Protein backbone atom coordinates (compact mmCIF):
# COMPACT_ATOMS: atom_id res chain seq x y z
CA MET A 1 13.85 27.98 19.52
CA SER A 2 13.62 24.36 20.67
CA LEU A 3 14.43 21.45 18.44
CA LYS A 4 11.36 19.21 18.30
CA PRO A 5 11.72 15.59 17.18
CA SER A 6 10.63 15.28 13.56
CA LEU A 7 10.32 12.55 10.96
CA ASN A 8 12.32 14.83 8.65
CA TRP A 9 15.41 14.11 10.73
CA LEU A 10 15.51 10.73 8.98
CA LEU A 11 16.40 12.54 5.75
CA ALA A 12 19.94 12.56 7.14
CA PHE A 13 20.10 8.90 6.21
CA SER A 14 19.96 9.79 2.50
CA PRO A 15 23.63 10.87 2.25
CA VAL A 16 24.51 8.06 4.67
CA ALA A 17 22.94 5.47 2.33
CA ILE A 18 24.66 7.00 -0.71
CA GLY A 19 28.01 7.00 1.07
CA LEU A 20 27.61 3.41 2.24
CA GLU A 21 26.75 2.27 -1.28
CA MET A 22 29.73 4.09 -2.80
CA ARG A 23 32.03 2.45 -0.23
CA HIS A 24 30.46 -0.97 -0.97
CA ALA A 25 29.44 -1.43 2.66
CA GLU A 26 27.55 -4.50 3.85
CA ALA A 27 24.17 -4.84 2.18
CA PRO A 28 22.02 -4.70 5.36
CA LEU A 29 23.58 -1.34 6.33
CA VAL A 30 22.85 0.11 2.89
CA PHE A 31 19.34 -1.36 2.84
CA PHE A 32 18.21 -0.04 6.21
CA ALA A 33 19.84 3.38 5.72
CA ALA A 34 17.97 3.76 2.42
CA ALA A 35 14.78 2.47 4.05
CA LEU A 36 14.96 5.06 6.83
CA SER A 37 15.53 7.84 4.29
CA ILE A 38 12.44 6.83 2.27
CA VAL A 39 10.10 7.11 5.27
CA PRO A 40 10.25 10.95 5.56
CA ILE A 41 10.14 11.27 1.74
CA ALA A 42 6.90 9.28 1.77
CA ALA A 43 5.64 11.47 4.61
CA LEU A 44 6.28 14.59 2.52
CA LEU A 45 4.29 13.06 -0.34
CA VAL A 46 1.35 12.40 1.96
CA HIS A 47 1.51 15.81 3.66
CA ALA A 48 1.62 17.64 0.33
CA THR A 49 -1.38 15.61 -0.80
CA GLU A 50 -3.26 16.50 2.38
CA GLN A 51 -2.64 20.17 1.64
CA LEU A 52 -4.18 19.73 -1.80
CA ALA A 53 -7.07 17.75 -0.32
CA VAL A 54 -8.07 20.35 2.30
CA ARG A 55 -10.69 21.78 -0.07
CA THR A 56 -12.27 18.37 -0.70
CA GLY A 57 -14.34 16.02 1.43
CA ASP A 58 -12.96 13.01 3.30
CA ALA A 59 -13.70 10.60 0.43
CA VAL A 60 -11.78 12.60 -2.18
CA GLY A 61 -9.11 13.49 0.37
CA GLY A 62 -8.64 9.81 1.15
CA LEU A 63 -8.44 9.05 -2.58
CA LEU A 64 -5.74 11.68 -3.13
CA ASN A 65 -3.85 10.55 -0.03
CA ALA A 66 -3.97 6.92 -1.11
CA THR A 67 -2.93 7.79 -4.68
CA PHE A 68 0.19 9.75 -3.82
CA GLY A 69 0.84 7.62 -0.75
CA ASN A 70 1.18 4.64 -3.10
CA ALA A 71 3.75 6.48 -5.22
CA PRO A 72 6.78 5.24 -3.22
CA GLU A 73 5.48 1.66 -3.39
CA LEU A 74 5.01 1.95 -7.16
CA ILE A 75 8.49 3.43 -7.60
CA ILE A 76 10.11 0.72 -5.47
CA ALA A 77 8.26 -1.99 -7.41
CA ILE A 78 9.30 -0.55 -10.80
CA VAL A 79 12.94 -0.47 -9.69
CA ALA A 80 12.61 -4.10 -8.53
CA LEU A 81 11.06 -5.00 -11.90
CA LYS A 82 14.08 -3.57 -13.74
CA ALA A 83 16.30 -5.69 -11.49
CA GLY A 84 14.29 -8.81 -12.37
CA LEU A 85 13.08 -9.41 -8.79
CA MET A 86 9.66 -10.69 -9.84
CA GLN A 87 8.95 -12.67 -6.70
CA MET A 88 9.72 -9.65 -4.54
CA VAL A 89 7.39 -7.45 -6.62
CA LEU A 90 4.51 -9.93 -6.28
CA ALA A 91 5.18 -10.17 -2.56
CA SER A 92 5.18 -6.37 -2.20
CA ILE A 93 1.72 -6.22 -3.85
CA ILE A 94 0.38 -8.72 -1.32
CA GLY A 95 2.18 -6.97 1.53
CA ALA A 96 0.84 -3.52 0.66
CA VAL A 97 -2.75 -4.78 0.74
CA LEU A 98 -2.23 -6.63 4.03
CA ALA A 99 -0.45 -3.67 5.64
CA ASN A 100 -3.26 -1.23 4.79
CA LEU A 101 -6.23 -3.52 5.32
CA LEU A 102 -5.07 -5.10 8.57
CA LEU A 103 -2.24 -3.11 10.15
CA ALA A 104 -3.17 0.49 9.26
CA LEU A 105 -6.89 0.05 9.87
CA GLY A 106 -6.23 -2.05 12.97
CA LEU A 107 -3.95 0.57 14.54
CA ALA A 108 -6.44 3.34 13.64
CA PHE A 109 -9.24 1.44 15.37
CA PHE A 110 -7.05 0.55 18.36
CA LEU A 111 -5.48 3.96 19.07
CA GLY A 112 -8.70 5.80 18.25
CA GLY A 113 -10.61 3.45 20.53
CA LEU A 114 -8.28 4.19 23.43
CA LYS A 115 -9.32 7.85 23.23
CA LYS A 116 -13.03 7.34 22.56
CA HIS A 117 -15.32 4.53 23.69
CA ASP A 118 -17.08 4.15 20.32
CA GLN A 119 -16.28 5.72 16.95
CA GLU A 120 -18.66 6.01 14.01
CA TYR A 121 -18.01 6.06 10.28
CA ASN A 122 -19.88 5.52 7.02
CA ALA A 123 -20.58 1.78 6.94
CA GLY A 124 -21.91 1.99 3.37
CA ALA A 125 -18.58 3.27 2.05
CA ALA A 126 -16.72 0.54 3.96
CA ARG A 127 -18.97 -2.10 2.38
CA VAL A 128 -18.29 -0.70 -1.10
CA TYR A 129 -14.54 -0.93 -0.51
CA SER A 130 -14.87 -4.47 0.86
CA SER A 131 -17.04 -5.75 -2.00
CA ILE A 132 -14.64 -4.39 -4.63
CA MET A 133 -11.67 -5.95 -2.85
CA LEU A 134 -13.45 -9.32 -2.64
CA ILE A 135 -14.17 -9.28 -6.38
CA THR A 136 -10.56 -8.23 -7.06
CA VAL A 137 -9.15 -11.15 -5.06
CA ILE A 138 -11.32 -13.54 -7.09
CA MET A 139 -9.98 -11.97 -10.30
CA LEU A 140 -6.38 -12.32 -9.10
CA ALA A 141 -7.02 -16.00 -8.45
CA ALA A 142 -8.13 -16.51 -12.08
CA PRO A 143 -4.68 -17.36 -13.61
CA GLY A 144 -4.10 -20.08 -11.01
CA ALA A 145 -7.60 -21.45 -11.53
CA PHE A 146 -7.02 -21.55 -15.31
CA GLU A 147 -3.88 -23.63 -14.79
CA ASN A 148 -5.67 -26.03 -12.42
CA LEU A 149 -8.53 -26.51 -14.87
CA PHE A 150 -6.63 -26.83 -18.16
CA GLY A 151 -3.11 -27.79 -17.11
CA ALA A 152 0.25 -25.99 -16.96
CA GLU A 153 0.96 -26.45 -20.68
CA ALA A 154 -2.29 -24.74 -21.77
CA ALA A 155 -1.75 -21.98 -19.20
CA ALA A 156 1.79 -21.36 -20.51
CA LEU A 157 0.52 -21.00 -24.09
CA LYS A 158 -2.13 -18.49 -23.05
CA SER A 159 -0.15 -16.76 -20.26
CA ASP A 160 0.41 -13.47 -22.10
CA SER A 161 -3.24 -13.19 -23.12
CA ILE A 162 -4.40 -13.96 -19.58
CA ASN A 163 -1.86 -11.57 -18.07
CA VAL A 164 -2.58 -8.56 -20.29
CA GLY A 165 -6.32 -9.21 -20.32
CA LEU A 166 -6.44 -9.34 -16.52
CA ALA A 167 -4.37 -6.14 -16.23
CA VAL A 168 -6.64 -4.23 -18.64
CA LEU A 169 -9.76 -5.50 -16.88
CA LEU A 170 -8.45 -4.42 -13.46
CA LEU A 171 -7.62 -0.94 -14.79
CA ALA A 172 -11.08 -0.65 -16.33
CA LEU A 173 -12.65 -1.62 -13.02
CA TYR A 174 -10.60 1.08 -11.29
CA VAL A 175 -11.65 3.77 -13.78
CA LEU A 176 -15.31 2.80 -13.32
CA TYR A 177 -14.85 2.95 -9.55
CA LEU A 178 -13.59 6.53 -9.87
CA VAL A 179 -16.65 7.43 -11.95
CA PHE A 180 -18.89 5.76 -9.37
CA MET A 181 -17.21 7.53 -6.44
CA LEU A 182 -16.72 11.00 -7.88
CA LYS A 183 -19.60 11.41 -10.37
CA THR A 184 -22.60 9.13 -10.02
CA HIS A 185 -22.72 8.12 -6.32
CA PRO A 186 -20.63 10.54 -4.21
CA ASP A 187 -23.44 10.52 -1.61
CA LEU A 188 -22.44 6.98 -0.59
CA PHE A 189 -19.08 8.30 0.63
CA VAL A 190 -20.31 11.21 2.79
CA SER A 191 -18.54 11.32 6.17
CA LYS A 192 -20.54 10.31 9.25
CA GLY A 193 -17.83 10.35 11.89
CA GLY A 194 -17.66 12.83 14.74
CA GLY A 195 -14.17 14.25 14.27
CA PRO A 196 -13.40 17.87 13.42
CA GLU A 197 -13.02 18.91 9.82
CA ALA A 198 -9.65 19.82 8.38
CA HIS A 199 -8.32 23.34 8.87
CA SER A 200 -7.41 25.69 6.04
CA ALA A 201 -4.45 24.86 3.86
CA GLU A 202 -1.03 25.86 5.22
CA TRP A 203 0.73 25.47 1.87
CA SER A 204 0.05 27.09 -1.46
CA VAL A 205 -0.89 24.88 -4.40
CA GLY A 206 2.51 25.59 -6.01
CA ARG A 207 4.41 24.52 -2.91
CA ALA A 208 2.35 21.34 -2.56
CA VAL A 209 2.83 20.37 -6.23
CA GLY A 210 6.56 21.20 -6.09
CA THR A 211 6.94 19.05 -2.99
CA LEU A 212 5.14 16.17 -4.71
CA VAL A 213 7.52 16.32 -7.68
CA ALA A 214 10.67 16.66 -5.57
CA ALA A 215 9.64 13.90 -3.18
CA SER A 216 8.82 11.56 -6.09
CA VAL A 217 12.28 12.12 -7.58
CA GLY A 218 13.90 11.54 -4.18
CA ALA A 219 11.89 8.36 -3.65
CA ALA A 220 12.93 7.03 -7.06
CA PHE A 221 16.63 7.70 -6.38
CA MET A 222 16.65 6.11 -2.91
CA SER A 223 14.57 3.18 -4.17
CA GLU A 224 17.37 2.31 -6.60
CA ILE A 225 19.73 1.97 -3.64
CA LEU A 226 17.17 0.12 -1.51
CA VAL A 227 16.30 -2.50 -4.11
CA GLY A 228 19.93 -2.91 -5.13
CA ALA A 229 20.74 -4.06 -1.60
CA ALA A 230 17.51 -5.98 -0.96
CA GLU A 231 18.50 -9.41 -2.29
CA ALA A 232 21.88 -9.47 -0.55
CA THR A 233 20.24 -8.24 2.65
CA GLY A 234 17.80 -11.13 2.56
CA GLU A 235 20.64 -13.62 2.11
CA ALA A 236 22.66 -12.04 4.92
CA LEU A 237 19.76 -11.98 7.40
CA GLY A 238 18.13 -15.24 6.36
CA MET A 239 15.04 -13.52 4.88
CA SER A 240 13.34 -14.68 1.69
CA GLN A 241 12.28 -12.36 -1.12
CA VAL A 242 8.73 -13.11 -0.02
CA PHE A 243 9.24 -11.74 3.50
CA ILE A 244 11.21 -8.71 2.29
CA GLY A 245 8.42 -7.88 -0.17
CA VAL A 246 5.43 -8.69 2.04
CA VAL A 247 6.68 -6.98 5.20
CA LEU A 248 9.73 -4.75 4.75
CA LEU A 249 9.11 -3.14 1.35
CA ALA A 250 5.37 -2.81 2.02
CA LEU A 251 5.93 -1.08 5.36
CA ILE A 252 8.73 1.14 4.04
CA GLY A 253 6.77 2.26 0.98
CA GLY A 254 3.54 2.75 2.90
CA ALA A 255 4.94 4.06 6.20
CA ALA A 256 3.65 7.61 5.88
CA GLU A 257 0.34 6.41 4.46
CA LEU A 258 -0.04 4.08 7.43
CA GLY A 259 0.81 6.97 9.74
CA ALA A 260 -1.80 9.21 8.09
CA ALA A 261 -4.54 6.58 8.49
CA VAL A 262 -3.64 6.03 12.15
CA THR A 263 -3.46 9.77 12.86
CA MET A 264 -6.92 10.35 11.38
CA GLY A 265 -8.27 7.49 13.49
CA MET A 266 -6.86 9.09 16.65
CA ARG A 267 -8.57 12.37 15.65
CA ASP A 268 -11.91 10.55 15.37
CA ARG A 269 -11.95 11.04 11.59
CA LEU A 270 -12.43 7.39 10.73
CA ASP A 271 -14.11 8.12 7.40
CA LEU A 272 -10.85 9.67 6.17
CA SER A 273 -8.83 6.91 7.85
CA ILE A 274 -10.86 4.22 6.07
CA GLY A 275 -10.68 6.16 2.82
CA ILE A 276 -6.88 6.12 3.07
CA ALA A 277 -6.43 2.52 4.22
CA LEU A 278 -9.08 0.71 2.17
CA GLY A 279 -8.73 3.10 -0.76
CA SER A 280 -5.02 2.28 -0.86
CA CYS A 281 -5.79 -1.45 -0.91
CA MET A 282 -8.03 -0.95 -3.91
CA GLN A 283 -5.46 1.17 -5.73
CA ILE A 284 -2.74 -1.40 -5.16
CA ALA A 285 -4.89 -4.20 -6.56
CA LEU A 286 -6.74 -2.30 -9.32
CA PHE A 287 -4.13 0.23 -10.43
CA VAL A 288 -0.58 -0.45 -9.20
CA ALA A 289 -0.58 -4.19 -9.94
CA PRO A 290 -1.88 -3.95 -13.55
CA VAL A 291 0.37 -0.96 -14.29
CA LEU A 292 3.36 -3.01 -13.14
CA VAL A 293 2.27 -5.83 -15.43
CA LEU A 294 2.05 -3.57 -18.48
CA VAL A 295 5.27 -1.70 -17.65
CA SER A 296 7.16 -4.97 -17.18
CA TYR A 297 6.79 -5.77 -20.91
CA PHE A 298 9.01 -2.75 -21.64
CA ILE A 299 11.54 -2.52 -18.79
CA ALA A 300 11.86 -5.93 -17.14
CA PRO A 301 13.90 -8.96 -18.25
CA GLU A 302 10.62 -10.88 -18.45
CA PRO A 303 6.93 -9.94 -18.07
CA LEU A 304 5.47 -9.78 -14.58
CA ARG A 305 2.69 -12.33 -14.30
CA LEU A 306 -0.07 -11.93 -11.72
CA GLU A 307 0.15 -15.59 -10.78
CA PHE A 308 -0.15 -16.02 -7.02
CA ASN A 309 -0.08 -19.39 -5.34
CA ARG A 310 -2.77 -20.64 -3.01
CA THR A 311 -1.00 -19.28 0.08
CA ALA A 312 -0.97 -15.73 -1.27
CA VAL A 313 -4.55 -15.85 -2.56
CA GLY A 314 -5.69 -17.43 0.70
CA ALA A 315 -3.99 -14.69 2.74
CA LEU A 316 -5.64 -11.99 0.61
CA LEU A 317 -9.07 -13.62 0.74
CA LEU A 318 -8.86 -14.18 4.50
CA SER A 319 -7.80 -10.57 5.08
CA VAL A 320 -10.58 -9.13 2.90
CA LEU A 321 -13.25 -11.27 4.59
CA ILE A 322 -12.03 -10.37 8.09
CA GLY A 323 -11.79 -6.69 7.18
CA ALA A 324 -15.32 -6.77 5.75
CA VAL A 325 -16.76 -8.43 8.86
CA VAL A 326 -14.98 -6.10 11.29
CA SER A 327 -15.78 -2.85 9.44
CA ALA A 328 -19.31 -3.59 8.18
CA ASP A 329 -21.34 -2.10 11.06
CA GLY A 330 -20.05 1.49 11.00
CA HIS A 331 -18.71 1.37 14.56
CA SER A 332 -15.22 0.71 15.88
CA ASN A 333 -13.52 0.18 19.22
CA TRP A 334 -10.03 -0.65 20.42
CA TYR A 335 -10.64 -4.43 20.49
CA LYS A 336 -11.58 -4.51 16.81
CA GLY A 337 -8.18 -2.96 16.16
CA VAL A 338 -6.46 -5.63 18.22
CA GLN A 339 -8.12 -8.33 16.13
CA LEU A 340 -6.96 -6.84 12.82
CA VAL A 341 -3.38 -6.31 14.02
CA ALA A 342 -3.24 -9.86 15.41
CA VAL A 343 -4.23 -11.31 12.01
CA TYR A 344 -1.54 -9.20 10.31
CA LEU A 345 1.15 -10.44 12.71
CA VAL A 346 0.15 -14.07 12.15
CA LEU A 347 0.26 -13.66 8.36
CA ALA A 348 3.63 -11.86 8.57
CA LEU A 349 5.00 -14.81 10.55
CA LEU A 350 3.69 -17.26 7.95
CA MET A 351 5.31 -15.23 5.15
CA TYR A 352 8.60 -15.22 7.06
CA LEU A 353 8.52 -19.01 7.16
CA ALA A 354 7.19 -19.44 3.60
CA PRO A 355 9.82 -20.77 1.14
CA GLY A 356 8.38 -18.93 -1.89
CA MET A 357 5.38 -17.10 -3.37
């Protein structure tokens, strides 16, 4: 029996990270050991979800994949909230959207386009995702607009009302989206790509659910170690909380999700790939972000406020507009992927140089 390379090998870094933390090793060593151990845990979450989604269509499968794929990101953010790293949490929200919308979709288009000259997918579903994301970005810009219109003093007096109201409204929009997708208009999300359908499930429902629970617990435990070393790692390597949140935490938490979207693109199943990538963007903005706001009132030293500066809002708006333009026609090729990845790399560089969110 040959030993094939596997992502699960990275689980060996779990005891390494625990040992390094107990010995009070240098923060970057602890951080990157914990990061490497979270990647296969996230992959197990996504694979277990795929096993549950075999009996559904690509739209529902993408929804399930995005939901459980976002679990590590949510866990990491909650741990960071408890530690009072508000700027890092806000940056991770931005980073997760950028990573899925630009990097994951870009790599899916690029690698899929290298194997097939032209790939088709449901353009109507892509436009639905894009329109919801555009509206969401405008809503996230509302607190900053309120301050510009009425002044910082008025905004401070009304900050809790604005914060909670925005969180509740985003959650309501997400619930209505689920009703729209699953009940009233599922026909808009029917797959049109040319890839093969999924095979029968390899795992039983019990095994898949057990794996989801175990992987979630493992992700929570390793996230404690990861976030505990994050701030010191940034200081040691000259990285700001913004860059760690936007790039490192977003990629670590969404690594398996990114891999699933890219893999589906290479299999010419772009409808599922788009459902994972764009569906994850929507869940981050409409579900994860408001949940973090509401949870912060109970576990964090201070409430998390969805107050992004112009740089962050501009990066989100630019990404959503570019993603909408590139994905609107229902066809993809490798050069479209190059364009999306190039935008992501430019924004990552800007965030690396940015002094604060």
